[in-house]
Amino acid sequence: MARTVTREQLAVALAGWRAAGPTPDRGTVGDAVRASLRWLAQQNPGKAVEIRVPPFAAVQAIGGLSHTRGTPPNVVETDATTWLGLVTGAIDWSDALADGRIGASGTRADLSSLLPLDDRPAGDRPGDDPPGLRG
């Protein structure tokens, strides 16, 4: 089983990727991809959809019917640059799907309602109590 990723670890990985500029090194990209995929899978547990970002990682997520052998019926695959753009909101799902940057097959392979991910630390998200009001 993959290790758990905290919201703070996700935020650090994505901040490192953002700070690296237009040509981040492979390690920085890999860290951001793995953290974001793990976070997505943790927040949407299940095995109905396989999300692949080669060569860095793949996860199974989203509840519903699952598969046990062979190619799953619901697959999303994209490159790391597109994935991180989707995760951060820099790229829109429908645009990336329309121009072929995402391969999505199966009836459950639409991740548009799950992206972008919210990597803001506690207290900075909508609905969070101001710092002085937390218990």
N, C-alpha and C. Protein backbone atom coordinates (compact mmCIF):
# COMPACT_ATOMS: atom_id res chain seq x y z
N MET A 1 0.84 -1.19 0.00
CA MET A 1 0.00 0.00 0.00
C MET A 1 0.89 1.25 0.00
N ALA A 2 0.50 2.24 -0.75
CA ALA A 2 1.26 3.49 -0.84
C ALA A 2 1.18 4.24 0.48
N ARG A 3 2.23 4.98 0.75
CA ARG A 3 2.22 5.75 1.99
C ARG A 3 1.22 6.89 1.91
N THR A 4 0.77 7.31 3.08
CA THR A 4 -0.20 8.39 3.16
C THR A 4 0.50 9.73 2.91
N VAL A 5 -0.18 10.61 2.22
CA VAL A 5 0.32 11.95 1.94
C VAL A 5 -0.58 12.94 2.67
N THR A 6 0.02 13.84 3.43
CA THR A 6 -0.76 14.88 4.10
C THR A 6 -0.98 16.05 3.16
N ARG A 7 -1.94 16.89 3.50
CA ARG A 7 -2.19 18.10 2.71
C ARG A 7 -0.93 18.96 2.65
N GLU A 8 -0.21 19.02 3.76
CA GLU A 8 1.01 19.83 3.82
C GLU A 8 2.08 19.26 2.90
N GLN A 9 2.22 17.92 2.86
CA GLN A 9 3.20 17.31 1.96
C GLN A 9 2.82 17.56 0.50
N LEU A 10 1.55 17.51 0.20
CA LEU A 10 1.09 17.84 -1.14
C LEU A 10 1.45 19.28 -1.48
N ALA A 11 1.17 20.19 -0.56
CA ALA A 11 1.47 21.61 -0.79
C ALA A 11 2.96 21.84 -1.00
N VAL A 12 3.80 21.18 -0.23
CA VAL A 12 5.25 21.33 -0.37
C VAL A 12 5.72 20.80 -1.72
N ALA A 13 5.21 19.63 -2.12
CA ALA A 13 5.62 19.05 -3.40
C ALA A 13 5.21 19.95 -4.57
N LEU A 14 3.98 20.45 -4.52
CA LEU A 14 3.52 21.33 -5.61
C LEU A 14 4.24 22.68 -5.59
N ALA A 15 4.52 23.19 -4.41
CA ALA A 15 5.27 24.46 -4.32
C ALA A 15 6.68 24.29 -4.89
N GLY A 16 7.30 23.15 -4.62
CA GLY A 16 8.63 22.89 -5.18
C GLY A 16 8.60 22.82 -6.69
N TRP A 17 7.56 22.19 -7.23
CA TRP A 17 7.41 22.12 -8.68
C TRP A 17 7.19 23.50 -9.28
N ARG A 18 6.31 24.28 -8.64
CA ARG A 18 6.04 25.65 -9.14
C ARG A 18 7.30 26.50 -9.10
N ALA A 19 8.06 26.39 -8.00
CA ALA A 19 9.26 27.22 -7.81
C ALA A 19 10.37 26.85 -8.79
N ALA A 20 10.34 25.65 -9.33
CA ALA A 20 11.40 25.19 -10.22
C ALA A 20 11.35 25.86 -11.59
N GLY A 21 10.27 26.57 -11.88
CA GLY A 21 10.18 27.29 -13.14
C GLY A 21 9.83 26.39 -14.32
N PRO A 22 10.13 26.85 -15.53
CA PRO A 22 9.67 26.14 -16.73
C PRO A 22 10.37 24.81 -17.00
N THR A 23 11.51 24.55 -16.38
CA THR A 23 12.21 23.29 -16.63
C THR A 23 12.61 22.62 -15.30
N PRO A 24 11.62 22.12 -14.55
CA PRO A 24 11.94 21.46 -13.28
C PRO A 24 12.69 20.15 -13.53
N ASP A 25 13.52 19.77 -12.55
CA ASP A 25 14.25 18.51 -12.70
C ASP A 25 13.30 17.32 -12.49
N ARG A 26 13.73 16.17 -12.95
CA ARG A 26 12.91 14.96 -12.92
C ARG A 26 12.46 14.59 -11.50
N GLY A 27 13.33 14.76 -10.53
CA GLY A 27 12.98 14.44 -9.15
C GLY A 27 11.86 15.31 -8.61
N THR A 28 11.92 16.59 -8.92
CA THR A 28 10.89 17.53 -8.48
C THR A 28 9.55 17.20 -9.13
N VAL A 29 9.57 16.91 -10.41
CA VAL A 29 8.34 16.53 -11.12
C VAL A 29 7.78 15.24 -10.54
N GLY A 30 8.64 14.25 -10.35
CA GLY A 30 8.19 12.97 -9.80
C GLY A 30 7.58 13.11 -8.43
N ASP A 31 8.20 13.92 -7.57
CA ASP A 31 7.65 14.13 -6.22
C ASP A 31 6.26 14.75 -6.29
N ALA A 32 6.09 15.75 -7.16
CA ALA A 32 4.79 16.43 -7.28
C ALA A 32 3.74 15.49 -7.87
N VAL A 33 4.10 14.71 -8.86
CA VAL A 33 3.15 13.77 -9.47
C VAL A 33 2.73 12.72 -8.46
N ARG A 34 3.70 12.09 -7.79
CA ARG A 34 3.37 11.03 -6.82
C ARG A 34 2.52 11.56 -5.68
N ALA A 35 2.88 12.72 -5.13
CA ALA A 35 2.11 13.29 -4.02
C ALA A 35 0.68 13.60 -4.46
N SER A 36 0.52 14.19 -5.64
CA SER A 36 -0.82 14.57 -6.08
C SER A 36 -1.67 13.35 -6.43
N LEU A 37 -1.08 12.34 -7.03
CA LEU A 37 -1.84 11.11 -7.31
C LEU A 37 -2.26 10.42 -6.02
N ARG A 38 -1.35 10.32 -5.07
CA ARG A 38 -1.69 9.69 -3.79
C ARG A 38 -2.79 10.46 -3.08
N TRP A 39 -2.68 11.80 -3.10
CA TRP A 39 -3.70 12.63 -2.45
C TRP A 39 -5.06 12.41 -3.11
N LEU A 40 -5.10 12.41 -4.43
CA LEU A 40 -6.36 12.19 -5.13
C LEU A 40 -6.95 10.83 -4.74
N ALA A 41 -6.13 9.79 -4.71
CA ALA A 41 -6.61 8.46 -4.35
C ALA A 41 -7.08 8.39 -2.90
N GLN A 42 -6.38 9.07 -2.00
CA GLN A 42 -6.80 9.09 -0.60
C GLN A 42 -8.14 9.78 -0.42
N GLN A 43 -8.35 10.85 -1.14
CA GLN A 43 -9.57 11.63 -1.01
C GLN A 43 -10.75 10.99 -1.75
N ASN A 44 -10.45 10.08 -2.66
CA ASN A 44 -11.47 9.41 -3.48
C ASN A 44 -11.17 7.92 -3.53
N PRO A 45 -11.29 7.23 -2.40
CA PRO A 45 -10.88 5.83 -2.35
C PRO A 45 -11.74 4.93 -3.23
N GLY A 46 -11.11 3.91 -3.74
CA GLY A 46 -11.79 2.93 -4.56
C GLY A 46 -10.84 2.40 -5.62
N LYS A 47 -11.39 1.59 -6.49
CA LYS A 47 -10.58 0.97 -7.55
C LYS A 47 -11.28 0.99 -8.89
N ALA A 48 -12.21 1.91 -9.07
CA ALA A 48 -12.98 1.94 -10.31
C ALA A 48 -12.23 2.59 -11.46
N VAL A 49 -11.29 3.50 -11.15
CA VAL A 49 -10.57 4.22 -12.19
C VAL A 49 -9.08 4.13 -11.91
N GLU A 50 -8.32 3.82 -12.94
CA GLU A 50 -6.86 3.84 -12.82
C GLU A 50 -6.35 5.11 -13.47
N ILE A 51 -5.54 5.87 -12.74
CA ILE A 51 -4.98 7.13 -13.24
C ILE A 51 -3.49 6.92 -13.39
N ARG A 52 -3.00 7.09 -14.60
CA ARG A 52 -1.60 6.81 -14.93
C ARG A 52 -0.90 8.09 -15.40
N VAL A 53 0.27 8.34 -14.81
CA VAL A 53 1.13 9.44 -15.24
C VAL A 53 2.53 8.85 -15.40
N PRO A 54 2.76 8.18 -16.54
CA PRO A 54 4.06 7.55 -16.74
C PRO A 54 5.16 8.59 -16.97
N PRO A 55 6.36 8.32 -16.55
CA PRO A 55 6.83 7.10 -15.91
C PRO A 55 6.79 7.16 -14.38
N PHE A 56 6.06 8.10 -13.83
CA PHE A 56 6.18 8.39 -12.40
C PHE A 56 5.28 7.55 -11.49
N ALA A 57 4.03 7.37 -11.83
CA ALA A 57 3.14 6.66 -10.91
C ALA A 57 1.80 6.36 -11.57
N ALA A 58 1.07 5.47 -10.91
CA ALA A 58 -0.31 5.16 -11.28
C ALA A 58 -1.03 4.81 -9.98
N VAL A 59 -2.29 5.20 -9.89
CA VAL A 59 -3.10 4.87 -8.72
C VAL A 59 -4.47 4.41 -9.18
N GLN A 60 -5.13 3.71 -8.29
CA GLN A 60 -6.54 3.38 -8.49
C GLN A 60 -7.33 4.21 -7.50
N ALA A 61 -8.44 4.75 -7.95
CA ALA A 61 -9.24 5.63 -7.12
C ALA A 61 -10.71 5.54 -7.52
N ILE A 62 -11.54 6.18 -6.77
CA ILE A 62 -12.96 6.37 -7.03
C ILE A 62 -13.75 5.07 -6.80
N GLY A 63 -14.75 5.18 -5.97
CA GLY A 63 -15.57 4.04 -5.63
C GLY A 63 -16.39 3.54 -6.81
N GLY A 64 -16.86 2.34 -6.68
CA GLY A 64 -17.67 1.71 -7.73
C GLY A 64 -17.11 0.35 -8.05
N LEU A 65 -17.52 -0.19 -9.17
CA LEU A 65 -17.03 -1.50 -9.58
C LEU A 65 -15.54 -1.44 -9.79
N SER A 66 -14.85 -2.46 -9.32
CA SER A 66 -13.40 -2.49 -9.48
C SER A 66 -13.00 -3.68 -10.35
N HIS A 67 -11.77 -3.64 -10.79
CA HIS A 67 -11.23 -4.73 -11.61
C HIS A 67 -10.13 -5.41 -10.81
N THR A 68 -9.81 -6.64 -11.20
CA THR A 68 -8.75 -7.36 -10.51
C THR A 68 -7.65 -7.85 -11.44
N ARG A 69 -7.92 -7.96 -12.72
CA ARG A 69 -6.92 -8.47 -13.66
C ARG A 69 -7.01 -7.72 -14.98
N GLY A 70 -5.86 -7.57 -15.61
CA GLY A 70 -5.84 -6.97 -16.93
C GLY A 70 -6.05 -5.46 -16.90
N THR A 71 -6.34 -4.92 -18.05
CA THR A 71 -6.56 -3.49 -18.17
C THR A 71 -7.91 -3.12 -17.57
N PRO A 72 -7.93 -2.15 -16.68
CA PRO A 72 -9.20 -1.75 -16.07
C PRO A 72 -10.12 -1.08 -17.09
N PRO A 73 -11.43 -1.11 -16.84
CA PRO A 73 -12.37 -0.53 -17.80
C PRO A 73 -12.36 1.00 -17.82
N ASN A 74 -11.86 1.63 -16.77
CA ASN A 74 -11.82 3.09 -16.68
C ASN A 74 -10.38 3.53 -16.45
N VAL A 75 -9.79 4.16 -17.45
CA VAL A 75 -8.39 4.55 -17.38
C VAL A 75 -8.24 6.01 -17.80
N VAL A 76 -7.44 6.73 -17.03
CA VAL A 76 -7.03 8.08 -17.40
C VAL A 76 -5.52 8.06 -17.49
N GLU A 77 -4.96 8.55 -18.60
CA GLU A 77 -3.51 8.59 -18.75
C GLU A 77 -3.11 9.93 -19.37
N THR A 78 -2.05 10.50 -18.81
CA THR A 78 -1.54 11.76 -19.32
C THR A 78 -0.07 11.89 -18.94
N ASP A 79 0.59 12.88 -19.50
CA ASP A 79 1.98 13.15 -19.15
C ASP A 79 2.05 13.99 -17.89
N ALA A 80 3.24 14.08 -17.31
CA ALA A 80 3.42 14.78 -16.03
C ALA A 80 3.09 16.27 -16.12
N THR A 81 3.49 16.92 -17.19
CA THR A 81 3.23 18.36 -17.32
C THR A 81 1.73 18.63 -17.36
N THR A 82 1.00 17.85 -18.13
CA THR A 82 -0.45 18.02 -18.20
C THR A 82 -1.09 17.71 -16.85
N TRP A 83 -0.67 16.60 -16.22
CA TRP A 83 -1.24 16.23 -14.93
C TRP A 83 -1.06 17.35 -13.91
N LEU A 84 0.13 17.87 -13.80
CA LEU A 84 0.38 18.92 -12.80
C LEU A 84 -0.36 20.20 -13.16
N GLY A 85 -0.54 20.46 -14.44
CA GLY A 85 -1.38 21.59 -14.84
C GLY A 85 -2.83 21.40 -14.43
N LEU A 86 -3.34 20.19 -14.57
CA LEU A 86 -4.71 19.88 -14.14
C LEU A 86 -4.84 19.99 -12.63
N VAL A 87 -3.86 19.46 -11.92
CA VAL A 87 -3.87 19.46 -10.45
C VAL A 87 -3.87 20.88 -9.89
N THR A 88 -3.13 21.77 -10.53
CA THR A 88 -3.00 23.14 -10.03
C THR A 88 -4.02 24.10 -10.62
N GLY A 89 -4.79 23.66 -11.61
CA GLY A 89 -5.78 24.53 -12.21
C GLY A 89 -5.25 25.35 -13.37
N ALA A 90 -4.00 25.13 -13.77
CA ALA A 90 -3.43 25.87 -14.89
C ALA A 90 -3.96 25.34 -16.23
N ILE A 91 -4.45 24.10 -16.23
CA ILE A 91 -5.00 23.49 -17.43
C ILE A 91 -6.41 23.00 -17.11
N ASP A 92 -7.33 23.26 -18.00
CA ASP A 92 -8.72 22.82 -17.84
C ASP A 92 -8.89 21.41 -18.39
N TRP A 93 -9.61 20.57 -17.66
CA TRP A 93 -9.83 19.18 -18.06
C TRP A 93 -10.39 19.09 -19.48
N SER A 94 -11.45 19.83 -19.76
CA SER A 94 -12.11 19.71 -21.07
C SER A 94 -11.18 20.14 -22.20
N ASP A 95 -10.37 21.16 -21.98
CA ASP A 95 -9.42 21.59 -23.00
C ASP A 95 -8.37 20.51 -23.26
N ALA A 96 -7.82 19.95 -22.19
CA ALA A 96 -6.79 18.92 -22.33
C ALA A 96 -7.35 17.65 -22.98
N LEU A 97 -8.58 17.32 -22.64
CA LEU A 97 -9.22 16.15 -23.25
C LEU A 97 -9.47 16.40 -24.74
N ALA A 98 -9.95 17.58 -25.06
CA ALA A 98 -10.28 17.91 -26.46
C ALA A 98 -9.04 17.92 -27.36
N ASP A 99 -7.91 18.37 -26.83
CA ASP A 99 -6.72 18.44 -27.68
C ASP A 99 -5.80 17.23 -27.54
N GLY A 100 -6.27 16.18 -26.87
CA GLY A 100 -5.54 14.92 -26.83
C GLY A 100 -4.44 14.81 -25.79
N ARG A 101 -4.35 15.74 -24.88
CA ARG A 101 -3.32 15.62 -23.84
C ARG A 101 -3.70 14.63 -22.75
N ILE A 102 -4.98 14.26 -22.70
CA ILE A 102 -5.47 13.25 -21.77
C ILE A 102 -6.07 12.12 -22.58
N GLY A 103 -5.72 10.90 -22.21
CA GLY A 103 -6.42 9.74 -22.73
C GLY A 103 -7.37 9.27 -21.64
N ALA A 104 -8.65 9.23 -21.91
CA ALA A 104 -9.64 8.82 -20.91
C ALA A 104 -10.60 7.84 -21.55
N SER A 105 -10.65 6.63 -21.00
CA SER A 105 -11.56 5.63 -21.53
C SER A 105 -12.41 5.07 -20.40
N GLY A 106 -13.64 4.80 -20.70
CA GLY A 106 -14.56 4.26 -19.72
C GLY A 106 -15.55 5.30 -19.24
N THR A 107 -16.65 4.83 -18.72
CA THR A 107 -17.74 5.71 -18.30
C THR A 107 -17.42 6.51 -17.04
N ARG A 108 -16.43 6.09 -16.27
CA ARG A 108 -16.10 6.77 -15.01
C ARG A 108 -14.81 7.57 -15.11
N ALA A 109 -14.26 7.73 -16.29
CA ALA A 109 -12.93 8.31 -16.47
C ALA A 109 -12.92 9.83 -16.58
N ASP A 110 -13.96 10.49 -16.14
CA ASP A 110 -14.00 11.96 -16.15
C ASP A 110 -13.63 12.47 -14.76
N LEU A 111 -12.46 13.09 -14.64
CA LEU A 111 -11.98 13.59 -13.35
C LEU A 111 -12.23 15.09 -13.18
N SER A 112 -12.99 15.68 -14.07
CA SER A 112 -13.16 17.13 -14.05
C SER A 112 -13.74 17.65 -12.73
N SER A 113 -14.57 16.85 -12.07
CA SER A 113 -15.14 17.31 -10.80
C SER A 113 -14.17 17.19 -9.63
N LEU A 114 -13.04 16.52 -9.84
CA LEU A 114 -12.06 16.31 -8.77
C LEU A 114 -10.84 17.20 -8.89
N LEU A 115 -10.72 17.88 -10.03
CA LEU A 115 -9.55 18.71 -10.30
C LEU A 115 -9.97 20.15 -10.54
N PRO A 116 -9.17 21.13 -10.15
CA PRO A 116 -7.86 20.98 -9.52
C PRO A 116 -7.96 20.54 -8.07
N LEU A 117 -6.82 20.06 -7.54
CA LEU A 117 -6.75 19.68 -6.14
C LEU A 117 -6.56 20.93 -5.29
N ASP A 118 -7.06 20.89 -4.08
CA ASP A 118 -6.88 22.02 -3.16
C ASP A 118 -5.71 21.70 -2.25
N ASP A 119 -4.56 22.31 -2.54
CA ASP A 119 -3.36 22.04 -1.76
C ASP A 119 -3.07 23.13 -0.72
N ARG A 120 -4.03 24.01 -0.51
CA ARG A 120 -3.81 25.07 0.46
C ARG A 120 -3.79 24.50 1.88
N PRO A 121 -2.90 24.99 2.73
CA PRO A 121 -2.85 24.52 4.11
C PRO A 121 -4.13 24.84 4.87
N ALA A 122 -4.37 24.10 5.94
CA ALA A 122 -5.53 24.37 6.80
C ALA A 122 -5.52 25.83 7.21
N GLY A 123 -6.70 26.42 7.21
CA GLY A 123 -6.83 27.83 7.55
C GLY A 123 -6.89 28.74 6.34
N ASP A 124 -6.39 28.25 5.20
CA ASP A 124 -6.38 29.05 3.98
C ASP A 124 -7.45 28.62 2.99
N ARG A 125 -8.25 27.60 3.36
CA ARG A 125 -9.27 27.10 2.46
C ARG A 125 -10.61 27.77 2.76
N PRO A 126 -11.47 27.90 1.77
CA PRO A 126 -12.80 28.47 2.02
C PRO A 126 -13.53 27.66 3.09
N GLY A 127 -14.15 28.35 4.02
CA GLY A 127 -14.89 27.68 5.08
C GLY A 127 -14.07 27.37 6.31
N ASP A 128 -12.75 27.50 6.24
CA ASP A 128 -11.92 27.29 7.42
C ASP A 128 -12.10 28.45 8.38
N ASP A 129 -12.03 28.15 9.65
CA ASP A 129 -12.09 29.22 10.66
C ASP A 129 -10.83 30.05 10.58
N PRO A 130 -10.93 31.36 10.85
CA PRO A 130 -9.72 32.16 10.95
C PRO A 130 -8.82 31.59 12.04
N PRO A 131 -7.48 31.79 11.93
CA PRO A 131 -6.55 31.16 12.88
C PRO A 131 -6.91 31.36 14.33
N GLY A 132 -7.42 32.51 14.73
CA GLY A 132 -7.72 32.77 16.14
C GLY A 132 -8.96 32.04 16.63
N LEU A 133 -9.77 31.47 15.73
CA LEU A 133 -11.01 30.82 16.12
C LEU A 133 -10.93 29.29 16.14
N ARG A 134 -9.79 28.74 15.75
CA ARG A 134 -9.67 27.28 15.74
C ARG A 134 -9.58 26.76 17.16
N GLY A 135 -10.21 25.58 17.39
CA GLY A 135 -10.24 25.00 18.72
C GLY A 135 -9.11 24.12 19.03
